[in-house]
């Protein structure tokens, strides 16, 4: 699979799946404020590493 003339790598797929998992976890109702803060920070860091931000 190619996007914009370059190959879509396994590492990119893995990062996207991790991001989706974190976003799903963030929507759980039983999280503490600290857990939510930590997950949001992980999401922000991953999005930055992926060039999304």
PDB file of N, CA and C in Angstrom:
ATOM      1  N   UNK A   1       0.846  -1.172   0.000  1.00  0.00           N
ATOM      2  CA  UNK A   1       0.000   0.000   0.000  1.00  0.00           C
ATOM      3  C   UNK A   1       0.893   1.237   0.000  1.00  0.00           C
ATOM      4  N   UNK A   2       0.547   2.213  -0.793  1.00  0.00           N
ATOM      5  CA  UNK A   2       1.337   3.432  -0.856  1.00  0.00           C
ATOM      6  C   UNK A   2       0.458   4.658  -0.628  1.00  0.00           C
ATOM      7  N   UNK A   3       1.030   5.624   0.060  1.00  0.00           N
ATOM      8  CA  UNK A   3       0.381   6.902   0.284  1.00  0.00           C
ATOM      9  C   UNK A   3       1.359   7.993  -0.117  1.00  0.00           C
ATOM     10  N   UNK A   4       0.923   8.894  -0.921  1.00  0.00           N
ATOM     11  CA  UNK A   4       1.747  10.029  -1.344  1.00  0.00           C
ATOM     12  C   UNK A   4       3.094   9.584  -1.891  1.00  0.00           C
ATOM     13  N   UNK A   5       3.113   8.495  -2.635  1.00  0.00           N
ATOM     14  CA  UNK A   5       4.346   8.051  -3.268  1.00  0.00           C
ATOM     15  C   UNK A   5       5.323   7.337  -2.371  1.00  0.00           C
ATOM     16  N   UNK A   6       4.930   6.982  -1.157  1.00  0.00           N
ATOM     17  CA  UNK A   6       5.844   6.239  -0.281  1.00  0.00           C
ATOM     18  C   UNK A   6       5.114   5.055   0.341  1.00  0.00           C
ATOM     19  N   UNK A   7       5.881   4.097   0.761  1.00  0.00           N
ATOM     20  CA  UNK A   7       5.291   2.888   1.317  1.00  0.00           C
ATOM     21  C   UNK A   7       4.807   3.113   2.743  1.00  0.00           C
ATOM     22  N   UNK A   8       3.724   2.448   3.081  1.00  0.00           N
ATOM     23  CA  UNK A   8       3.146   2.462   4.417  1.00  0.00           C
ATOM     24  C   UNK A   8       3.826   1.342   5.195  1.00  0.00           C
ATOM     25  N   UNK A   9       4.547   1.696   6.254  1.00  0.00           N
ATOM     26  CA  UNK A   9       5.377   0.709   6.938  1.00  0.00           C
ATOM     27  C   UNK A   9       4.663   0.038   8.108  1.00  0.00           C
ATOM     28  N   UNK A  10       5.242  -1.069   8.521  1.00  0.00           N
ATOM     29  CA  UNK A  10       4.746  -1.810   9.675  1.00  0.00           C
ATOM     30  C   UNK A  10       4.811  -0.936  10.935  1.00  0.00           C
ATOM     31  N   UNK A  11       5.855  -0.150  11.057  1.00  0.00           N
ATOM     32  CA  UNK A  11       5.996   0.724  12.229  1.00  0.00           C
ATOM     33  C   UNK A  11       4.911   1.794  12.267  1.00  0.00           C
ATOM     34  N   UNK A  12       4.537   2.311  11.108  1.00  0.00           N
ATOM     35  CA  UNK A  12       3.462   3.301  11.051  1.00  0.00           C
ATOM     36  C   UNK A  12       2.134   2.662  11.448  1.00  0.00           C
ATOM     37  N   UNK A  13       1.893   1.462  10.950  1.00  0.00           N
ATOM     38  CA  UNK A  13       0.672   0.740  11.310  1.00  0.00           C
ATOM     39  C   UNK A  13       0.638   0.489  12.815  1.00  0.00           C
ATOM     40  N   UNK A  14       1.752   0.042  13.356  1.00  0.00           N
ATOM     41  CA  UNK A  14       1.845  -0.236  14.797  1.00  0.00           C
ATOM     42  C   UNK A  14       1.545   1.019  15.607  1.00  0.00           C
ATOM     43  N   UNK A  15       2.137   2.141  15.220  1.00  0.00           N
ATOM     44  CA  UNK A  15       1.909   3.405  15.936  1.00  0.00           C
ATOM     45  C   UNK A  15       0.434   3.797  15.885  1.00  0.00           C
ATOM     46  N   UNK A  16      -0.201   3.604  14.728  1.00  0.00           N
ATOM     47  CA  UNK A  16      -1.626   3.925  14.605  1.00  0.00           C
ATOM     48  C   UNK A  16      -2.478   3.047  15.509  1.00  0.00           C
ATOM     49  N   UNK A  17      -2.129   1.770  15.605  1.00  0.00           N
ATOM     50  CA  UNK A  17      -2.897   0.858  16.460  1.00  0.00           C
ATOM     51  C   UNK A  17      -2.706   1.201  17.937  1.00  0.00           C
ATOM     52  N   UNK A  18      -1.507   1.601  18.309  1.00  0.00           N
ATOM     53  CA  UNK A  18      -1.255   2.031  19.690  1.00  0.00           C
ATOM     54  C   UNK A  18      -2.079   3.279  19.983  1.00  0.00           C
ATOM     55  N   UNK A  19      -2.090   4.231  19.045  1.00  0.00           N
ATOM     56  CA  UNK A  19      -2.862   5.463  19.211  1.00  0.00           C
ATOM     57  C   UNK A  19      -4.350   5.159  19.369  1.00  0.00           C
ATOM     58  N   UNK A  20      -4.872   4.283  18.532  1.00  0.00           N
ATOM     59  CA  UNK A  20      -6.286   3.915  18.643  1.00  0.00           C
ATOM     60  C   UNK A  20      -6.591   3.269  19.991  1.00  0.00           C
ATOM     61  N   UNK A  21      -5.690   2.425  20.459  1.00  0.00           N
ATOM     62  CA  UNK A  21      -5.879   1.776  21.755  1.00  0.00           C
ATOM     63  C   UNK A  21      -5.886   2.780  22.900  1.00  0.00           C
ATOM     64  N   UNK A  22      -4.984   3.749  22.830  1.00  0.00           N
ATOM     65  CA  UNK A  22      -4.938   4.784  23.864  1.00  0.00           C
ATOM     66  C   UNK A  22      -6.213   5.629  23.849  1.00  0.00           C
ATOM     67  N   UNK A  23      -6.685   5.970  22.642  1.00  0.00           N
ATOM     68  CA  UNK A  23      -7.906   6.765  22.544  1.00  0.00           C
ATOM     69  C   UNK A  23      -9.105   5.984  23.086  1.00  0.00           C
ATOM     70  N   UNK A  24      -9.148   4.702  22.802  1.00  0.00           N
ATOM     71  CA  UNK A  24     -10.233   3.868  23.316  1.00  0.00           C
ATOM     72  C   UNK A  24     -10.165   3.790  24.839  1.00  0.00           C
ATOM     73  N   UNK A  25      -8.966   3.620  25.365  1.00  0.00           N
ATOM     74  CA  UNK A  25      -8.778   3.536  26.813  1.00  0.00           C
ATOM     75  C   UNK A  25      -9.189   4.844  27.486  1.00  0.00           C
ATOM     76  N   UNK A  26      -8.896   5.970  26.842  1.00  0.00           N
ATOM     77  CA  UNK A  26      -9.238   7.284  27.390  1.00  0.00           C
ATOM     78  C   UNK A  26     -10.741   7.450  27.557  1.00  0.00           C
ATOM     79  N   UNK A  27     -11.530   6.759  26.755  1.00  0.00           N
ATOM     80  CA  UNK A  27     -12.986   6.868  26.819  1.00  0.00           C
ATOM     81  C   UNK A  27     -13.613   5.984  27.887  1.00  0.00           C
ATOM     82  N   UNK A  28     -12.811   5.205  28.595  1.00  0.00           N
ATOM     83  CA  UNK A  28     -13.355   4.380  29.668  1.00  0.00           C
ATOM     84  C   UNK A  28     -13.830   5.281  30.810  1.00  0.00           C
ATOM     85  N   UNK A  29     -14.898   4.885  31.444  1.00  0.00           N
ATOM     86  CA  UNK A  29     -15.503   5.729  32.482  1.00  0.00           C
ATOM     87  C   UNK A  29     -14.848   5.593  33.857  1.00  0.00           C
ATOM     88  N   UNK A  30     -14.131   4.506  34.093  1.00  0.00           N
ATOM     89  CA  UNK A  30     -13.602   4.258  35.432  1.00  0.00           C
ATOM     90  C   UNK A  30     -12.167   4.738  35.646  1.00  0.00           C
ATOM     91  N   UNK A  31     -11.679   5.659  34.822  1.00  0.00           N
ATOM     92  CA  UNK A  31     -10.311   6.147  34.952  1.00  0.00           C
ATOM     93  C   UNK A  31     -10.222   7.271  35.989  1.00  0.00           C
ATOM     94  N   UNK A  32      -9.111   7.293  36.692  1.00  0.00           N
ATOM     95  CA  UNK A  32      -8.854   8.404  37.613  1.00  0.00           C
ATOM     96  C   UNK A  32      -8.349   9.601  36.803  1.00  0.00           C
ATOM     97  N   UNK A  33      -8.344  10.761  37.423  1.00  0.00           N
ATOM     98  CA  UNK A  33      -7.828  11.959  36.754  1.00  0.00           C
ATOM     99  C   UNK A  33      -6.368  11.774  36.358  1.00  0.00           C
ATOM    100  N   UNK A  34      -5.597  11.115  37.219  1.00  0.00           N
ATOM    101  CA  UNK A  34      -4.176  10.879  36.934  1.00  0.00           C
ATOM    102  C   UNK A  34      -4.010   9.951  35.730  1.00  0.00           C
ATOM    103  N   UNK A  35      -4.825   8.905  35.649  1.00  0.00           N
ATOM    104  CA  UNK A  35      -4.755   7.986  34.514  1.00  0.00           C
ATOM    105  C   UNK A  35      -5.115   8.706  33.213  1.00  0.00           C
ATOM    106  N   UNK A  36      -6.149   9.538  33.256  1.00  0.00           N
ATOM    107  CA  UNK A  36      -6.543  10.311  32.081  1.00  0.00           C
ATOM    108  C   UNK A  36      -5.427  11.253  31.652  1.00  0.00           C
ATOM    109  N   UNK A  37      -4.810  11.910  32.623  1.00  0.00           N
ATOM    110  CA  UNK A  37      -3.712  12.836  32.322  1.00  0.00           C
ATOM    111  C   UNK A  37      -2.555  12.098  31.655  1.00  0.00           C
ATOM    112  N   UNK A  38      -2.210  10.924  32.186  1.00  0.00           N
ATOM    113  CA  UNK A  38      -1.102  10.140  31.648  1.00  0.00           C
ATOM    114  C   UNK A  38      -1.402   9.662  30.229  1.00  0.00           C
ATOM    115  N   UNK A  39      -2.617   9.201  29.999  1.00  0.00           N
ATOM    116  CA  UNK A  39      -3.006   8.721  28.672  1.00  0.00           C
ATOM    117  C   UNK A  39      -3.005   9.866  27.665  1.00  0.00           C
ATOM    118  N   UNK A  40      -3.535  11.026  28.060  1.00  0.00           N
ATOM    119  CA  UNK A  40      -3.534  12.188  27.170  1.00  0.00           C
ATOM    120  C   UNK A  40      -2.111  12.589  26.801  1.00  0.00           C
ATOM    121  N   UNK A  41      -1.204  12.509  27.758  1.00  0.00           N
ATOM    122  CA  UNK A  41       0.201  12.837  27.495  1.00  0.00           C
ATOM    123  C   UNK A  41       0.800  11.829  26.513  1.00  0.00           C
ATOM    124  N   UNK A  42       0.507  10.548  26.689  1.00  0.00           N
ATOM    125  CA  UNK A  42       1.000   9.518  25.772  1.00  0.00           C
ATOM    126  C   UNK A  42       0.468   9.746  24.363  1.00  0.00           C
ATOM    127  N   UNK A  43      -0.814  10.091  24.265  1.00  0.00           N
ATOM    128  CA  UNK A  43      -1.431  10.362  22.961  1.00  0.00           C
ATOM    129  C   UNK A  43      -0.736  11.546  22.298  1.00  0.00           C
ATOM    130  N   UNK A  44      -0.530  12.620  23.047  1.00  0.00           N
ATOM    131  CA  UNK A  44       0.118  13.815  22.502  1.00  0.00           C
ATOM    132  C   UNK A  44       1.527  13.497  22.018  1.00  0.00           C
ATOM    133  N   UNK A  45       2.285  12.730  22.808  1.00  0.00           N
ATOM    134  CA  UNK A  45       3.650  12.373  22.424  1.00  0.00           C
ATOM    135  C   UNK A  45       3.662  11.514  21.162  1.00  0.00           C
ATOM    136  N   UNK A  46       2.758  10.554  21.091  1.00  0.00           N
ATOM    137  CA  UNK A  46       2.692   9.663  19.931  1.00  0.00           C
ATOM    138  C   UNK A  46       2.266  10.433  18.679  1.00  0.00           C
ATOM    139  N   UNK A  47       1.261  11.296  18.812  1.00  0.00           N
ATOM    140  CA  UNK A  47       0.827  12.099  17.667  1.00  0.00           C
ATOM    141  C   UNK A  47       1.962  12.985  17.172  1.00  0.00           C
ATOM    142  N   UNK A  48       2.724  13.541  18.087  1.00  0.00           N
ATOM    143  CA  UNK A  48       3.858  14.372  17.721  1.00  0.00           C
ATOM    144  C   UNK A  48       4.904  13.546  16.968  1.00  0.00           C
ATOM    145  N   UNK A  49       5.200  12.356  17.469  1.00  0.00           N
ATOM    146  CA  UNK A  49       6.179  11.476  16.828  1.00  0.00           C
ATOM    147  C   UNK A  49       5.713  11.042  15.443  1.00  0.00           C
ATOM    148  N   UNK A  50       4.393  10.953  15.258  1.00  0.00           N
ATOM    149  CA  UNK A  50       3.831  10.552  13.976  1.00  0.00           C
ATOM    150  C   UNK A  50       3.680  11.736  13.017  1.00  0.00           C
ATOM    151  N   UNK A  51       3.970  12.948  13.496  1.00  0.00           N
ATOM    152  CA  UNK A  51       3.852  14.130  12.656  1.00  0.00           C
ATOM    153  C   UNK A  51       2.422  14.614  12.486  1.00  0.00           C
ATOM    154  N   UNK A  52       1.587  14.284  13.437  1.00  0.00           N
ATOM    155  CA  UNK A  52       0.171  14.657  13.365  1.00  0.00           C
ATOM    156  C   UNK A  52      -0.096  16.015  14.015  1.00  0.00           C
ATOM    157  N   UNK A  53       0.825  16.493  14.798  1.00  0.00           N
ATOM    158  CA  UNK A  53       0.618  17.748  15.533  1.00  0.00           C
ATOM    159  C   UNK A  53       1.640  18.761  15.087  1.00  0.00           C
TER     160      UNK A  53
END
